[in-house]
Protein backbone atom coordinates (compact mmCIF):
# COMPACT_ATOMS: atom_id res chain seq x y z
CA UNK A 1 0.00 0.00 0.00
CA UNK A 2 1.60 3.24 -1.09
CA UNK A 3 1.29 6.70 0.44
CA UNK A 4 -1.47 7.79 -1.96
CA UNK A 5 -3.60 4.75 -1.05
CA UNK A 6 -3.12 5.41 2.67
CA UNK A 7 -4.17 9.05 2.24
CA UNK A 8 -7.16 8.01 0.12
CA UNK A 9 -8.24 5.47 2.73
CA UNK A 10 -7.91 8.05 5.51
CA UNK A 11 -9.95 10.59 3.55
CA UNK A 12 -12.65 7.97 2.93
CA UNK A 13 -12.78 7.19 6.65
CA UNK A 14 -13.09 10.89 7.52
CA UNK A 15 -15.88 11.29 4.97
CA UNK A 16 -17.75 8.26 6.35
CA UNK A 17 -17.51 9.57 9.91
CA UNK A 18 -18.65 13.04 8.81
CA UNK A 19 -21.62 11.63 6.91
CA UNK A 20 -22.62 9.58 9.96
CA UNK A 21 -22.44 12.65 12.22
CA UNK A 22 -24.54 14.68 9.77
CA UNK A 23 -27.11 11.89 9.57
CA UNK A 24 -27.37 11.64 13.36
CA UNK A 25 -27.79 15.41 13.66
CA UNK A 26 -30.48 15.44 10.96
CA UNK A 27 -32.37 12.62 12.70
CA UNK A 28 -32.14 14.45 16.02
CA UNK A 29 -33.41 17.66 14.41
CA UNK A 30 -36.35 15.84 12.84
CA UNK A 31 -37.25 14.27 16.18
CA UNK A 32 -37.12 17.67 17.91
CA UNK A 33 -39.32 19.17 15.19
CA UNK A 34 -41.87 16.35 15.51
CA UNK A 35 -41.94 16.77 19.28
CA UNK A 36 -42.47 20.52 18.94
CA UNK A 37 -45.29 19.96 16.44
CA UNK A 38 -46.95 17.50 18.82
CA UNK A 39 -46.70 19.95 21.70
CA UNK A 40 -48.15 22.74 19.58
CA UNK A 41 -51.03 20.51 18.52
CA UNK A 42 -51.74 19.50 22.12
CA UNK A 43 -51.67 23.15 23.23
CA UNK A 44 -54.08 24.08 20.47
CA UNK A 45 -56.48 21.32 21.55
CA UNK A 46 -56.32 22.57 25.15
CA UNK A 47 -56.98 26.15 24.02
CA UNK A 48 -59.96 25.05 21.92
CA UNK A 49 -61.32 22.91 24.77
CA UNK A 50 -60.56 19.53 23.16
CA UNK A 51 -59.29 16.43 24.89
CA UNK A 52 -55.53 16.34 25.38
CA UNK A 53 -54.03 12.88 25.13
C-alpha atoms as a PDB file:
ATOM      1  CA  UNK A   1       0.000   0.000   0.000  1.00  0.00           C
ATOM      2  CA  UNK A   2       1.604   3.236  -1.091  1.00  0.00           C
ATOM      3  CA  UNK A   3       1.292   6.701   0.435  1.00  0.00           C
ATOM      4  CA  UNK A   4      -1.474   7.786  -1.957  1.00  0.00           C
ATOM      5  CA  UNK A   5      -3.603   4.755  -1.051  1.00  0.00           C
ATOM      6  CA  UNK A   6      -3.125   5.413   2.665  1.00  0.00           C
ATOM      7  CA  UNK A   7      -4.168   9.051   2.239  1.00  0.00           C
ATOM      8  CA  UNK A   8      -7.161   8.014   0.120  1.00  0.00           C
ATOM      9  CA  UNK A   9      -8.239   5.470   2.735  1.00  0.00           C
ATOM     10  CA  UNK A  10      -7.909   8.046   5.514  1.00  0.00           C
ATOM     11  CA  UNK A  11      -9.952  10.589   3.551  1.00  0.00           C
ATOM     12  CA  UNK A  12     -12.646   7.972   2.928  1.00  0.00           C
ATOM     13  CA  UNK A  13     -12.779   7.190   6.649  1.00  0.00           C
ATOM     14  CA  UNK A  14     -13.095  10.892   7.520  1.00  0.00           C
ATOM     15  CA  UNK A  15     -15.882  11.292   4.967  1.00  0.00           C
ATOM     16  CA  UNK A  16     -17.746   8.260   6.345  1.00  0.00           C
ATOM     17  CA  UNK A  17     -17.507   9.571   9.913  1.00  0.00           C
ATOM     18  CA  UNK A  18     -18.650  13.036   8.812  1.00  0.00           C
ATOM     19  CA  UNK A  19     -21.622  11.626   6.911  1.00  0.00           C
ATOM     20  CA  UNK A  20     -22.619   9.584   9.960  1.00  0.00           C
ATOM     21  CA  UNK A  21     -22.443  12.647  12.222  1.00  0.00           C
ATOM     22  CA  UNK A  22     -24.538  14.679   9.774  1.00  0.00           C
ATOM     23  CA  UNK A  23     -27.106  11.886   9.575  1.00  0.00           C
ATOM     24  CA  UNK A  24     -27.368  11.638  13.356  1.00  0.00           C
ATOM     25  CA  UNK A  25     -27.788  15.410  13.662  1.00  0.00           C
ATOM     26  CA  UNK A  26     -30.482  15.438  10.962  1.00  0.00           C
ATOM     27  CA  UNK A  27     -32.366  12.621  12.698  1.00  0.00           C
ATOM     28  CA  UNK A  28     -32.142  14.452  16.024  1.00  0.00           C
ATOM     29  CA  UNK A  29     -33.413  17.656  14.412  1.00  0.00           C
ATOM     30  CA  UNK A  30     -36.354  15.838  12.839  1.00  0.00           C
ATOM     31  CA  UNK A  31     -37.250  14.265  16.181  1.00  0.00           C
ATOM     32  CA  UNK A  32     -37.123  17.671  17.907  1.00  0.00           C
ATOM     33  CA  UNK A  33     -39.323  19.175  15.186  1.00  0.00           C
ATOM     34  CA  UNK A  34     -41.867  16.347  15.507  1.00  0.00           C
ATOM     35  CA  UNK A  35     -41.936  16.765  19.283  1.00  0.00           C
ATOM     36  CA  UNK A  36     -42.470  20.525  18.940  1.00  0.00           C
ATOM     37  CA  UNK A  37     -45.291  19.963  16.442  1.00  0.00           C
ATOM     38  CA  UNK A  38     -46.946  17.500  18.816  1.00  0.00           C
ATOM     39  CA  UNK A  39     -46.697  19.949  21.699  1.00  0.00           C
ATOM     40  CA  UNK A  40     -48.152  22.743  19.581  1.00  0.00           C
ATOM     41  CA  UNK A  41     -51.029  20.509  18.515  1.00  0.00           C
ATOM     42  CA  UNK A  42     -51.742  19.499  22.124  1.00  0.00           C
ATOM     43  CA  UNK A  43     -51.667  23.148  23.226  1.00  0.00           C
ATOM     44  CA  UNK A  44     -54.085  24.078  20.465  1.00  0.00           C
ATOM     45  CA  UNK A  45     -56.478  21.320  21.552  1.00  0.00           C
ATOM     46  CA  UNK A  46     -56.322  22.570  25.152  1.00  0.00           C
ATOM     47  CA  UNK A  47     -56.981  26.152  24.024  1.00  0.00           C
ATOM     48  CA  UNK A  48     -59.957  25.046  21.924  1.00  0.00           C
ATOM     49  CA  UNK A  49     -61.315  22.909  24.771  1.00  0.00           C
ATOM     50  CA  UNK A  50     -60.556  19.532  23.164  1.00  0.00           C
ATOM     51  CA  UNK A  51     -59.295  16.435  24.887  1.00  0.00           C
ATOM     52  CA  UNK A  52     -55.534  16.342  25.385  1.00  0.00           C
ATOM     53  CA  UNK A  53     -54.027  12.881  25.128  1.00  0.00           C
END
